[in-house]
């Protein structure tokens, strides 16, 4: 068998992953009537939008974006989100957790976390928009519960995930059948790894929020993670506060998303750092996933992303 360079192998892998994702987008567009792309401005959802643009070019992306805004997002990410929407001339639907808190449908948690509060606004928005499919940027390498997902992942009439009702997907045949009131979550990046995402960002020259790269930030230590102050609160009297060079491997609710110490300021440096890491980005920087071993699965069963 002829030898193949690592560069060629990486390119072949990325080509195959891109082709699969484009195929999934087109299959879903043909099967569902009112899909929506879940978009936060993070790296995975940004790659998702990039792939959607490729899948339907030169026509516009035929469905809107949906962002569930906790009110505790990083300012840099929200500004980036709006730039992406303007750049591709997309329609963005934003639902704000604060609205559900203000009218009593939700109550603030004692721990201040709003990430778990996203589920009800998400399900309400899916019902209001009459969505029968929602594209997400989830990947199987992120967390053990997500490793159980199918690419077409059925949600029941309450928006809940039931592992026993997931269908086999042999030979890349996707089953989007669902009853009235049910919907399907579609994950075109299921077979990608964090490293694949960053290699694709490098190859396609995709812009990401600046907080994915190293920068100086005042942070404090809590539950083994470096968190930063914001509308969600700040350091307690007994917590270690420092100014460090950090970056974020994932972005989300600021109250539970930790930074990692890093000097990686370019895509190439991030790729090298990710290759050497033995922790997934969620395991290294998402406090809400460390509540219990089944924390993500418990949230998914209730309708979480």
C-alpha atoms as a PDB file:
ATOM      1  CA  UNK A   1       0.000   0.000   0.000  1.00  0.00           C
ATOM      2  CA  UNK A   2       1.576   3.361  -0.951  1.00  0.00           C
ATOM      3  CA  UNK A   3       2.605   5.633   1.924  1.00  0.00           C
ATOM      4  CA  UNK A   4       0.460   8.672   2.618  1.00  0.00           C
ATOM      5  CA  UNK A   5       1.686  11.855   4.281  1.00  0.00           C
ATOM      6  CA  UNK A   6       0.024  13.048   7.463  1.00  0.00           C
ATOM      7  CA  UNK A   7      -1.050  16.224   5.683  1.00  0.00           C
ATOM      8  CA  UNK A   8      -2.802  14.252   2.952  1.00  0.00           C
ATOM      9  CA  UNK A   9      -4.489  11.997   5.517  1.00  0.00           C
ATOM     10  CA  UNK A  10      -5.753  15.025   7.465  1.00  0.00           C
ATOM     11  CA  UNK A  11      -7.066  16.626   4.283  1.00  0.00           C
ATOM     12  CA  UNK A  12      -8.819  13.401   3.284  1.00  0.00           C
ATOM     13  CA  UNK A  13     -10.425  13.137   6.738  1.00  0.00           C
ATOM     14  CA  UNK A  14     -11.638  16.726   6.634  1.00  0.00           C
ATOM     15  CA  UNK A  15     -12.987  16.277   3.105  1.00  0.00           C
ATOM     16  CA  UNK A  16     -14.935  13.199   4.231  1.00  0.00           C
ATOM     17  CA  UNK A  17     -16.311  14.948   7.330  1.00  0.00           C
ATOM     18  CA  UNK A  18     -17.292  18.016   5.313  1.00  0.00           C
ATOM     19  CA  UNK A  19     -18.989  15.864   2.660  1.00  0.00           C
ATOM     20  CA  UNK A  20     -20.933  13.948   5.317  1.00  0.00           C
ATOM     21  CA  UNK A  21     -22.078  17.171   7.044  1.00  0.00           C
ATOM     22  CA  UNK A  22     -23.188  18.761   3.758  1.00  0.00           C
ATOM     23  CA  UNK A  23     -25.092  15.553   2.907  1.00  0.00           C
ATOM     24  CA  UNK A  24     -26.831  15.649   6.330  1.00  0.00           C
ATOM     25  CA  UNK A  25     -27.878  19.268   5.823  1.00  0.00           C
ATOM     26  CA  UNK A  26     -29.347  18.486   2.411  1.00  0.00           C
ATOM     27  CA  UNK A  27     -31.080  15.320   3.629  1.00  0.00           C
ATOM     28  CA  UNK A  28     -32.683  17.220   6.503  1.00  0.00           C
ATOM     29  CA  UNK A  29     -33.724  20.104   4.253  1.00  0.00           C
ATOM     30  CA  UNK A  30     -35.524  17.575   2.058  1.00  0.00           C
ATOM     31  CA  UNK A  31     -37.186  15.695   4.928  1.00  0.00           C
ATOM     32  CA  UNK A  32     -38.290  18.488   7.261  1.00  0.00           C
ATOM     33  CA  UNK A  33     -40.498  21.500   6.680  1.00  0.00           C
ATOM     34  CA  UNK A  34     -39.297  24.010   9.300  1.00  0.00           C
ATOM     35  CA  UNK A  35     -35.725  23.335  10.465  1.00  0.00           C
ATOM     36  CA  UNK A  36     -33.711  25.800  12.530  1.00  0.00           C
ATOM     37  CA  UNK A  37     -29.982  25.990  13.340  1.00  0.00           C
ATOM     38  CA  UNK A  38     -29.106  26.356  17.031  1.00  0.00           C
ATOM     39  CA  UNK A  39     -26.444  29.060  17.023  1.00  0.00           C
ATOM     40  CA  UNK A  40     -24.542  30.484  19.985  1.00  0.00           C
ATOM     41  CA  UNK A  41     -21.508  32.023  18.294  1.00  0.00           C
ATOM     42  CA  UNK A  42     -19.267  29.236  19.591  1.00  0.00           C
ATOM     43  CA  UNK A  43     -16.795  27.352  17.414  1.00  0.00           C
ATOM     44  CA  UNK A  44     -19.002  24.330  16.705  1.00  0.00           C
ATOM     45  CA  UNK A  45     -22.116  26.317  15.790  1.00  0.00           C
ATOM     46  CA  UNK A  46     -19.979  28.685  13.689  1.00  0.00           C
ATOM     47  CA  UNK A  47     -18.573  25.720  11.741  1.00  0.00           C
ATOM     48  CA  UNK A  48     -22.170  24.478  11.430  1.00  0.00           C
ATOM     49  CA  UNK A  49     -23.233  27.750   9.794  1.00  0.00           C
ATOM     50  CA  UNK A  50     -20.193  27.658   7.492  1.00  0.00           C
ATOM     51  CA  UNK A  51     -21.187  24.140   6.367  1.00  0.00           C
ATOM     52  CA  UNK A  52     -24.827  25.176   5.871  1.00  0.00           C
ATOM     53  CA  UNK A  53     -23.701  28.019   3.609  1.00  0.00           C
ATOM     54  CA  UNK A  54     -21.637  25.519   1.588  1.00  0.00           C
ATOM     55  CA  UNK A  55     -24.494  23.004   1.450  1.00  0.00           C
ATOM     56  CA  UNK A  56     -26.926  25.423  -0.224  1.00  0.00           C
ATOM     57  CA  UNK A  57     -24.616  27.799  -2.114  1.00  0.00           C
ATOM     58  CA  UNK A  58     -25.332  29.802  -4.250  1.00  0.00           C
ATOM     59  CA  UNK A  59     -28.845  29.848  -2.746  1.00  0.00           C
ATOM     60  CA  UNK A  60     -29.182  31.339   0.741  1.00  0.00           C
ATOM     61  CA  UNK A  61     -29.406  29.115   3.821  1.00  0.00           C
ATOM     62  CA  UNK A  62     -33.123  28.179   3.767  1.00  0.00           C
ATOM     63  CA  UNK A  63     -33.811  28.283   7.510  1.00  0.00           C
ATOM     64  CA  UNK A  64     -33.167  30.665  10.416  1.00  0.00           C
ATOM     65  CA  UNK A  65     -30.778  30.565  13.352  1.00  0.00           C
ATOM     66  CA  UNK A  66     -32.009  30.265  16.935  1.00  0.00           C
ATOM     67  CA  UNK A  67     -30.053  31.427  19.987  1.00  0.00           C
ATOM     68  CA  UNK A  68     -31.170  30.863  23.577  1.00  0.00           C
ATOM     69  CA  UNK A  69     -29.536  33.812  25.351  1.00  0.00           C
ATOM     70  CA  UNK A  70     -28.975  33.188  29.063  1.00  0.00           C
ATOM     71  CA  UNK A  71     -28.081  36.821  29.689  1.00  0.00           C
ATOM     72  CA  UNK A  72     -24.788  35.518  31.050  1.00  0.00           C
ATOM     73  CA  UNK A  73     -22.938  35.279  27.753  1.00  0.00           C
ATOM     74  CA  UNK A  74     -19.521  36.757  27.063  1.00  0.00           C
ATOM     75  CA  UNK A  75     -19.770  40.147  25.347  1.00  0.00           C
ATOM     76  CA  UNK A  76     -17.205  39.152  22.721  1.00  0.00           C
ATOM     77  CA  UNK A  77     -19.318  36.145  21.713  1.00  0.00           C
ATOM     78  CA  UNK A  78     -22.567  38.107  21.358  1.00  0.00           C
ATOM     79  CA  UNK A  79     -20.810  40.718  19.197  1.00  0.00           C
ATOM     80  CA  UNK A  80     -19.344  37.936  17.051  1.00  0.00           C
ATOM     81  CA  UNK A  81     -22.749  36.231  16.749  1.00  0.00           C
ATOM     82  CA  UNK A  82     -24.254  39.404  15.332  1.00  0.00           C
ATOM     83  CA  UNK A  83     -21.372  39.846  12.864  1.00  0.00           C
ATOM     84  CA  UNK A  84     -21.875  36.329  11.495  1.00  0.00           C
ATOM     85  CA  UNK A  85     -25.601  36.913  11.038  1.00  0.00           C
ATOM     86  CA  UNK A  86     -24.940  40.172   9.187  1.00  0.00           C
ATOM     87  CA  UNK A  87     -22.124  38.690   7.070  1.00  0.00           C
ATOM     88  CA  UNK A  88     -24.280  35.846   5.688  1.00  0.00           C
ATOM     89  CA  UNK A  89     -27.541  37.853   5.720  1.00  0.00           C
ATOM     90  CA  UNK A  90     -29.217  35.267   7.942  1.00  0.00           C
ATOM     91  CA  UNK A  91     -32.347  35.527  10.074  1.00  0.00           C
ATOM     92  CA  UNK A  92     -31.698  35.209  13.793  1.00  0.00           C
ATOM     93  CA  UNK A  93     -34.348  34.354  16.369  1.00  0.00           C
ATOM     94  CA  UNK A  94     -33.254  35.144  19.941  1.00  0.00           C
ATOM     95  CA  UNK A  95     -35.092  33.911  23.011  1.00  0.00           C
ATOM     96  CA  UNK A  96     -33.920  35.351  26.329  1.00  0.00           C
ATOM     97  CA  UNK A  97     -33.940  33.378  29.567  1.00  0.00           C
ATOM     98  CA  UNK A  98     -34.463  36.666  31.407  1.00  0.00           C
ATOM     99  CA  UNK A  99     -37.943  36.985  29.859  1.00  0.00           C
ATOM    100  CA  UNK A 100     -38.946  33.620  31.353  1.00  0.00           C
ATOM    101  CA  UNK A 101     -37.580  34.711  34.755  1.00  0.00           C
ATOM    102  CA  UNK A 102     -39.339  38.084  34.612  1.00  0.00           C
ATOM    103  CA  UNK A 103     -42.784  36.583  33.978  1.00  0.00           C
ATOM    104  CA  UNK A 104     -42.398  33.750  36.492  1.00  0.00           C
ATOM    105  CA  UNK A 105     -42.072  30.805  34.128  1.00  0.00           C
ATOM    106  CA  UNK A 106     -38.570  30.228  35.524  1.00  0.00           C
ATOM    107  CA  UNK A 107     -36.867  31.059  38.804  1.00  0.00           C
ATOM    108  CA  UNK A 108     -33.203  31.883  39.362  1.00  0.00           C
ATOM    109  CA  UNK A 109     -31.250  28.947  40.766  1.00  0.00           C
ATOM    110  CA  UNK A 110     -29.614  29.209  44.183  1.00  0.00           C
ATOM    111  CA  UNK A 111     -26.209  28.539  42.607  1.00  0.00           C
ATOM    112  CA  UNK A 112     -26.677  31.319  40.013  1.00  0.00           C
ATOM    113  CA  UNK A 113     -26.234  28.994  37.026  1.00  0.00           C
ATOM    114  CA  UNK A 114     -28.431  29.744  34.053  1.00  0.00           C
ATOM    115  CA  UNK A 115     -27.174  27.053  31.704  1.00  0.00           C
ATOM    116  CA  UNK A 116     -29.761  24.514  32.980  1.00  0.00           C
ATOM    117  CA  UNK A 117     -32.478  27.172  32.594  1.00  0.00           C
ATOM    118  CA  UNK A 118     -32.121  27.189  28.790  1.00  0.00           C
ATOM    119  CA  UNK A 119     -34.236  24.056  28.290  1.00  0.00           C
ATOM    120  CA  UNK A 120     -37.713  25.551  28.774  1.00  0.00           C
ATOM    121  CA  UNK A 121     -37.107  28.633  26.554  1.00  0.00           C
ATOM    122  CA  UNK A 122     -35.632  26.341  23.875  1.00  0.00           C
ATOM    123  CA  UNK A 123     -38.630  23.996  23.870  1.00  0.00           C
ATOM    124  CA  UNK A 124     -41.078  26.909  23.959  1.00  0.00           C
ATOM    125  CA  UNK A 125     -39.292  28.496  20.976  1.00  0.00           C
ATOM    126  CA  UNK A 126     -39.355  25.224  19.010  1.00  0.00           C
ATOM    127  CA  UNK A 127     -43.110  24.987  19.596  1.00  0.00           C
ATOM    128  CA  UNK A 128     -43.702  28.677  18.819  1.00  0.00           C
ATOM    129  CA  UNK A 129     -41.723  28.501  15.562  1.00  0.00           C
ATOM    130  CA  UNK A 130     -43.347  25.117  14.760  1.00  0.00           C
ATOM    131  CA  UNK A 131     -39.919  23.596  14.144  1.00  0.00           C
ATOM    132  CA  UNK A 132     -39.805  19.934  13.209  1.00  0.00           C
ATOM    133  CA  UNK A 133     -35.988  19.799  13.253  1.00  0.00           C
ATOM    134  CA  UNK A 134     -33.192  21.645  15.031  1.00  0.00           C
ATOM    135  CA  UNK A 135     -29.564  21.424  13.887  1.00  0.00           C
ATOM    136  CA  UNK A 136     -27.045  21.356  16.737  1.00  0.00           C
ATOM    137  CA  UNK A 137     -23.265  21.384  16.924  1.00  0.00           C
ATOM    138  CA  UNK A 138     -23.006  18.482  19.386  1.00  0.00           C
ATOM    139  CA  UNK A 139     -20.160  16.010  18.841  1.00  0.00           C
ATOM    140  CA  UNK A 140     -19.869  12.486  20.203  1.00  0.00           C
ATOM    141  CA  UNK A 141     -16.362  13.063  21.584  1.00  0.00           C
ATOM    142  CA  UNK A 142     -17.543  15.847  23.910  1.00  0.00           C
ATOM    143  CA  UNK A 143     -19.244  13.822  26.629  1.00  0.00           C
ATOM    144  CA  UNK A 144     -20.468  10.275  27.245  1.00  0.00           C
ATOM    145  CA  UNK A 145     -24.177  11.161  26.956  1.00  0.00           C
ATOM    146  CA  UNK A 146     -23.575  12.783  23.578  1.00  0.00           C
ATOM    147  CA  UNK A 147     -21.764   9.648  22.442  1.00  0.00           C
ATOM    148  CA  UNK A 148     -25.163   7.905  22.618  1.00  0.00           C
ATOM    149  CA  UNK A 149     -26.763  10.308  20.138  1.00  0.00           C
ATOM    150  CA  UNK A 150     -27.795   9.402  16.632  1.00  0.00           C
ATOM    151  CA  UNK A 151     -27.256  11.979  13.880  1.00  0.00           C
ATOM    152  CA  UNK A 152     -31.058  12.242  13.584  1.00  0.00           C
ATOM    153  CA  UNK A 153     -32.046  12.209  17.262  1.00  0.00           C
ATOM    154  CA  UNK A 154     -35.777  11.950  17.961  1.00  0.00           C
ATOM    155  CA  UNK A 155     -37.381  14.094  20.689  1.00  0.00           C
ATOM    156  CA  UNK A 156     -40.841  13.233  22.003  1.00  0.00           C
ATOM    157  CA  UNK A 157     -43.838  15.568  22.257  1.00  0.00           C
ATOM    158  CA  UNK A 158     -42.351  17.088  25.431  1.00  0.00           C
ATOM    159  CA  UNK A 159     -38.992  17.702  23.737  1.00  0.00           C
ATOM    160  CA  UNK A 160     -37.374  14.927  25.758  1.00  0.00           C
ATOM    161  CA  UNK A 161     -34.649  12.534  24.649  1.00  0.00           C
ATOM    162  CA  UNK A 162     -35.478   8.849  25.065  1.00  0.00           C
ATOM    163  CA  UNK A 163     -32.422   6.652  24.343  1.00  0.00           C
ATOM    164  CA  UNK A 164     -34.530   3.538  23.660  1.00  0.00           C
ATOM    165  CA  UNK A 165     -36.435   5.305  20.870  1.00  0.00           C
ATOM    166  CA  UNK A 166     -33.315   6.207  18.892  1.00  0.00           C
ATOM    167  CA  UNK A 167     -33.156   4.556  15.466  1.00  0.00           C
ATOM    168  CA  UNK A 168     -30.256   2.672  13.855  1.00  0.00           C
ATOM    169  CA  UNK A 169     -28.423   4.583  11.124  1.00  0.00           C
ATOM    170  CA  UNK A 170     -26.861   1.866   9.015  1.00  0.00           C
ATOM    171  CA  UNK A 171     -25.240   2.880   5.730  1.00  0.00           C
ATOM    172  CA  UNK A 172     -25.859   6.568   6.520  1.00  0.00           C
ATOM    173  CA  UNK A 173     -29.612   6.188   6.096  1.00  0.00           C
ATOM    174  CA  UNK A 174     -31.322   8.714   8.362  1.00  0.00           C
ATOM    175  CA  UNK A 175     -34.861   8.287   9.627  1.00  0.00           C
ATOM    176  CA  UNK A 176     -36.647  11.581  10.258  1.00  0.00           C
ATOM    177  CA  UNK A 177     -40.136  10.194  10.822  1.00  0.00           C
ATOM    178  CA  UNK A 178     -41.904  11.723  13.786  1.00  0.00           C
ATOM    179  CA  UNK A 179     -45.409  12.262  15.115  1.00  0.00           C
ATOM    180  CA  UNK A 180     -47.146  15.631  15.290  1.00  0.00           C
ATOM    181  CA  UNK A 181     -45.645  17.582  18.188  1.00  0.00           C
ATOM    182  CA  UNK A 182     -42.355  15.652  18.124  1.00  0.00           C
ATOM    183  CA  UNK A 183     -39.179  16.989  16.547  1.00  0.00           C
ATOM    184  CA  UNK A 184     -35.721  15.763  15.580  1.00  0.00           C
ATOM    185  CA  UNK A 185     -32.361  17.146  16.642  1.00  0.00           C
ATOM    186  CA  UNK A 186     -29.859  16.859  13.789  1.00  0.00           C
ATOM    187  CA  UNK A 187     -26.114  16.715  14.499  1.00  0.00           C
ATOM    188  CA  UNK A 188     -23.980  17.103  11.350  1.00  0.00           C
ATOM    189  CA  UNK A 189     -20.769  17.267  13.439  1.00  0.00           C
ATOM    190  CA  UNK A 190     -21.429  14.031  15.342  1.00  0.00           C
ATOM    191  CA  UNK A 191     -18.367  12.260  13.963  1.00  0.00           C
ATOM    192  CA  UNK A 192     -16.008  15.220  14.314  1.00  0.00           C
ATOM    193  CA  UNK A 193     -13.509  15.655  17.151  1.00  0.00           C
ATOM    194  CA  UNK A 194     -12.392  18.918  18.735  1.00  0.00           C
ATOM    195  CA  UNK A 195      -9.164  18.603  16.771  1.00  0.00           C
ATOM    196  CA  UNK A 196     -11.079  18.076  13.505  1.00  0.00           C
ATOM    197  CA  UNK A 197     -13.055  21.263  14.169  1.00  0.00           C
ATOM    198  CA  UNK A 198      -9.889  23.293  14.705  1.00  0.00           C
ATOM    199  CA  UNK A 199      -8.179  21.794  11.624  1.00  0.00           C
ATOM    200  CA  UNK A 200     -11.251  22.702   9.594  1.00  0.00           C
ATOM    201  CA  UNK A 201     -11.232  26.232  11.043  1.00  0.00           C
ATOM    202  CA  UNK A 202      -7.584  26.489   9.933  1.00  0.00           C
ATOM    203  CA  UNK A 203      -8.221  25.099   6.440  1.00  0.00           C
ATOM    204  CA  UNK A 204     -11.309  27.218   5.779  1.00  0.00           C
ATOM    205  CA  UNK A 205      -9.917  30.328   7.517  1.00  0.00           C
ATOM    206  CA  UNK A 206     -13.049  30.622   9.681  1.00  0.00           C
ATOM    207  CA  UNK A 207     -13.207  33.537  12.100  1.00  0.00           C
ATOM    208  CA  UNK A 208     -14.030  32.711  15.735  1.00  0.00           C
ATOM    209  CA  UNK A 209     -14.630  34.837  18.842  1.00  0.00           C
ATOM    210  CA  UNK A 210     -11.394  36.261  20.245  1.00  0.00           C
ATOM    211  CA  UNK A 211     -11.785  34.477  23.590  1.00  0.00           C
ATOM    212  CA  UNK A 212     -10.846  31.171  21.936  1.00  0.00           C
ATOM    213  CA  UNK A 213      -7.274  32.515  21.763  1.00  0.00           C
ATOM    214  CA  UNK A 214      -4.915  33.493  24.571  1.00  0.00           C
ATOM    215  CA  UNK A 215      -5.451  36.846  26.277  1.00  0.00           C
ATOM    216  CA  UNK A 216      -4.967  38.422  29.693  1.00  0.00           C
ATOM    217  CA  UNK A 217      -7.993  38.164  31.980  1.00  0.00           C
ATOM    218  CA  UNK A 218      -8.722  38.501  35.680  1.00  0.00           C
ATOM    219  CA  UNK A 219     -10.012  35.148  36.895  1.00  0.00           C
ATOM    220  CA  UNK A 220     -10.816  33.427  40.174  1.00  0.00           C
ATOM    221  CA  UNK A 221     -10.543  29.800  41.226  1.00  0.00           C
ATOM    222  CA  UNK A 222     -13.765  27.877  41.975  1.00  0.00           C
ATOM    223  CA  UNK A 223     -14.412  24.136  41.865  1.00  0.00           C
ATOM    224  CA  UNK A 224     -11.058  23.587  40.182  1.00  0.00           C
ATOM    225  CA  UNK A 225     -11.765  26.048  37.328  1.00  0.00           C
ATOM    226  CA  UNK A 226     -10.722  29.586  36.464  1.00  0.00           C
ATOM    227  CA  UNK A 227     -13.920  31.633  36.180  1.00  0.00           C
ATOM    228  CA  UNK A 228     -14.285  35.336  35.429  1.00  0.00           C
ATOM    229  CA  UNK A 229     -16.557  37.975  36.931  1.00  0.00           C
ATOM    230  CA  UNK A 230     -19.586  39.304  35.050  1.00  0.00           C
ATOM    231  CA  UNK A 231     -23.332  39.899  35.363  1.00  0.00           C
ATOM    232  CA  UNK A 232     -23.470  36.431  36.939  1.00  0.00           C
ATOM    233  CA  UNK A 233     -21.302  37.514  39.897  1.00  0.00           C
ATOM    234  CA  UNK A 234     -17.675  37.392  40.914  1.00  0.00           C
ATOM    235  CA  UNK A 235     -15.166  35.978  43.371  1.00  0.00           C
ATOM    236  CA  UNK A 236     -16.015  35.266  46.995  1.00  0.00           C
ATOM    237  CA  UNK A 237     -13.794  36.527  49.781  1.00  0.00           C
ATOM    238  CA  UNK A 238     -11.988  33.206  50.178  1.00  0.00           C
ATOM    239  CA  UNK A 239     -11.331  32.600  46.464  1.00  0.00           C
ATOM    240  CA  UNK A 240      -7.997  33.041  44.721  1.00  0.00           C
ATOM    241  CA  UNK A 241      -8.104  35.971  42.246  1.00  0.00           C
ATOM    242  CA  UNK A 242      -5.354  36.361  39.640  1.00  0.00           C
ATOM    243  CA  UNK A 243      -4.612  37.930  36.285  1.00  0.00           C
ATOM    244  CA  UNK A 244      -3.556  35.147  33.934  1.00  0.00           C
ATOM    245  CA  UNK A 245      -3.003  34.430  30.263  1.00  0.00           C
ATOM    246  CA  UNK A 246      -5.941  32.209  29.383  1.00  0.00           C
ATOM    247  CA  UNK A 247      -8.236  31.133  26.594  1.00  0.00           C
ATOM    248  CA  UNK A 248     -11.618  29.384  26.417  1.00  0.00           C
ATOM    249  CA  UNK A 249     -11.998  25.937  24.854  1.00  0.00           C
ATOM    250  CA  UNK A 250     -15.779  26.266  24.825  1.00  0.00           C
ATOM    251  CA  UNK A 251     -18.129  29.218  25.292  1.00  0.00           C
ATOM    252  CA  UNK A 252     -21.446  29.310  27.053  1.00  0.00           C
ATOM    253  CA  UNK A 253     -22.963  30.593  30.246  1.00  0.00           C
ATOM    254  CA  UNK A 254     -20.260  32.672  31.930  1.00  0.00           C
ATOM    255  CA  UNK A 255     -21.226  31.473  35.392  1.00  0.00           C
ATOM    256  CA  UNK A 256     -20.093  27.906  34.656  1.00  0.00           C
ATOM    257  CA  UNK A 257     -17.640  28.174  31.733  1.00  0.00           C
ATOM    258  CA  UNK A 258     -14.022  28.092  32.836  1.00  0.00           C
ATOM    259  CA  UNK A 259     -10.905  29.379  31.133  1.00  0.00           C
ATOM    260  CA  UNK A 260      -7.723  27.339  30.760  1.00  0.00           C
ATOM    261  CA  UNK A 261      -4.222  28.717  31.163  1.00  0.00           C
ATOM    262  CA  UNK A 262      -2.797  28.915  27.654  1.00  0.00           C
ATOM    263  CA  UNK A 263      -0.378  30.819  25.453  1.00  0.00           C
ATOM    264  CA  UNK A 264      -2.008  29.540  22.234  1.00  0.00           C
ATOM    265  CA  UNK A 265      -2.732  32.684  20.221  1.00  0.00           C
ATOM    266  CA  UNK A 266      -3.036  31.177  16.721  1.00  0.00           C
ATOM    267  CA  UNK A 267      -5.072  28.345  15.241  1.00  0.00           C
ATOM    268  CA  UNK A 268      -1.922  26.245  14.736  1.00  0.00           C
ATOM    269  CA  UNK A 269      -0.973  26.669  18.394  1.00  0.00           C
ATOM    270  CA  UNK A 270      -4.483  25.743  19.517  1.00  0.00           C
ATOM    271  CA  UNK A 271      -4.378  22.582  17.372  1.00  0.00           C
ATOM    272  CA  UNK A 272      -1.085  21.562  19.003  1.00  0.00           C
ATOM    273  CA  UNK A 273      -2.517  22.246  22.466  1.00  0.00           C
ATOM    274  CA  UNK A 274      -5.693  20.252  21.791  1.00  0.00           C
ATOM    275  CA  UNK A 275      -3.640  17.327  20.447  1.00  0.00           C
ATOM    276  CA  UNK A 276      -1.696  17.169  23.732  1.00  0.00           C
ATOM    277  CA  UNK A 277      -4.749  17.480  25.996  1.00  0.00           C
ATOM    278  CA  UNK A 278      -6.196  14.450  27.773  1.00  0.00           C
ATOM    279  CA  UNK A 279      -9.449  16.193  28.720  1.00  0.00           C
ATOM    280  CA  UNK A 280     -12.360  17.091  26.464  1.00  0.00           C
ATOM    281  CA  UNK A 281     -13.241  20.769  26.335  1.00  0.00           C
ATOM    282  CA  UNK A 282     -16.388  20.210  28.410  1.00  0.00           C
ATOM    283  CA  UNK A 283     -14.561  18.106  30.974  1.00  0.00           C
ATOM    284  CA  UNK A 284     -11.910  20.803  31.331  1.00  0.00           C
ATOM    285  CA  UNK A 285     -14.097  23.882  31.413  1.00  0.00           C
ATOM    286  CA  UNK A 286     -17.805  23.289  32.087  1.00  0.00           C
ATOM    287  CA  UNK A 287     -18.710  23.260  35.782  1.00  0.00           C
ATOM    288  CA  UNK A 288     -22.315  22.205  35.155  1.00  0.00           C
ATOM    289  CA  UNK A 289     -21.100  18.907  33.646  1.00  0.00           C
ATOM    290  CA  UNK A 290     -19.215  18.074  36.857  1.00  0.00           C
ATOM    291  CA  UNK A 291     -22.280  18.094  39.122  1.00  0.00           C
ATOM    292  CA  UNK A 292     -22.597  14.333  38.609  1.00  0.00           C
ATOM    293  CA  UNK A 293     -21.452  11.681  36.150  1.00  0.00           C
ATOM    294  CA  UNK A 294     -24.891  11.753  34.520  1.00  0.00           C
ATOM    295  CA  UNK A 295     -25.354  15.556  34.583  1.00  0.00           C
ATOM    296  CA  UNK A 296     -25.459  15.980  30.803  1.00  0.00           C
ATOM    297  CA  UNK A 297     -27.662  12.940  30.262  1.00  0.00           C
ATOM    298  CA  UNK A 298     -30.120  14.137  32.906  1.00  0.00           C
ATOM    299  CA  UNK A 299     -30.400  17.525  31.177  1.00  0.00           C
ATOM    300  CA  UNK A 300     -30.743  15.923  27.741  1.00  0.00           C
ATOM    301  CA  UNK A 301     -33.629  13.751  28.947  1.00  0.00           C
ATOM    302  CA  UNK A 302     -35.463  16.980  29.848  1.00  0.00           C
ATOM    303  CA  UNK A 303     -34.886  18.515  26.403  1.00  0.00           C
ATOM    304  CA  UNK A 304     -31.471  20.215  26.695  1.00  0.00           C
ATOM    305  CA  UNK A 305     -29.267  20.716  23.625  1.00  0.00           C
END
